[in-house]
């Protein structure tokens, strides 16, 4: 998943350099990544709150950006 996160930045960088609006793939991949990490933190036997709290803002920010 982390490889997809970094690879998805390539179209974003190309779009920015050409002066176009950003590609919606990167926010979507970041949204999925943050959602998976949040679920992981919540589903562990002992909840991993630092992971959860670090990724919750990313879920909301990327969802707003993607929509």
Foldseek 3Di string as FASTA:
>chain_A
DVVQLVVQCVQQVVCVVVVHDGDLSNLVVQLVVLVVQLCVQCPDPPRDVVSNVVSVVSNVVSVVVND
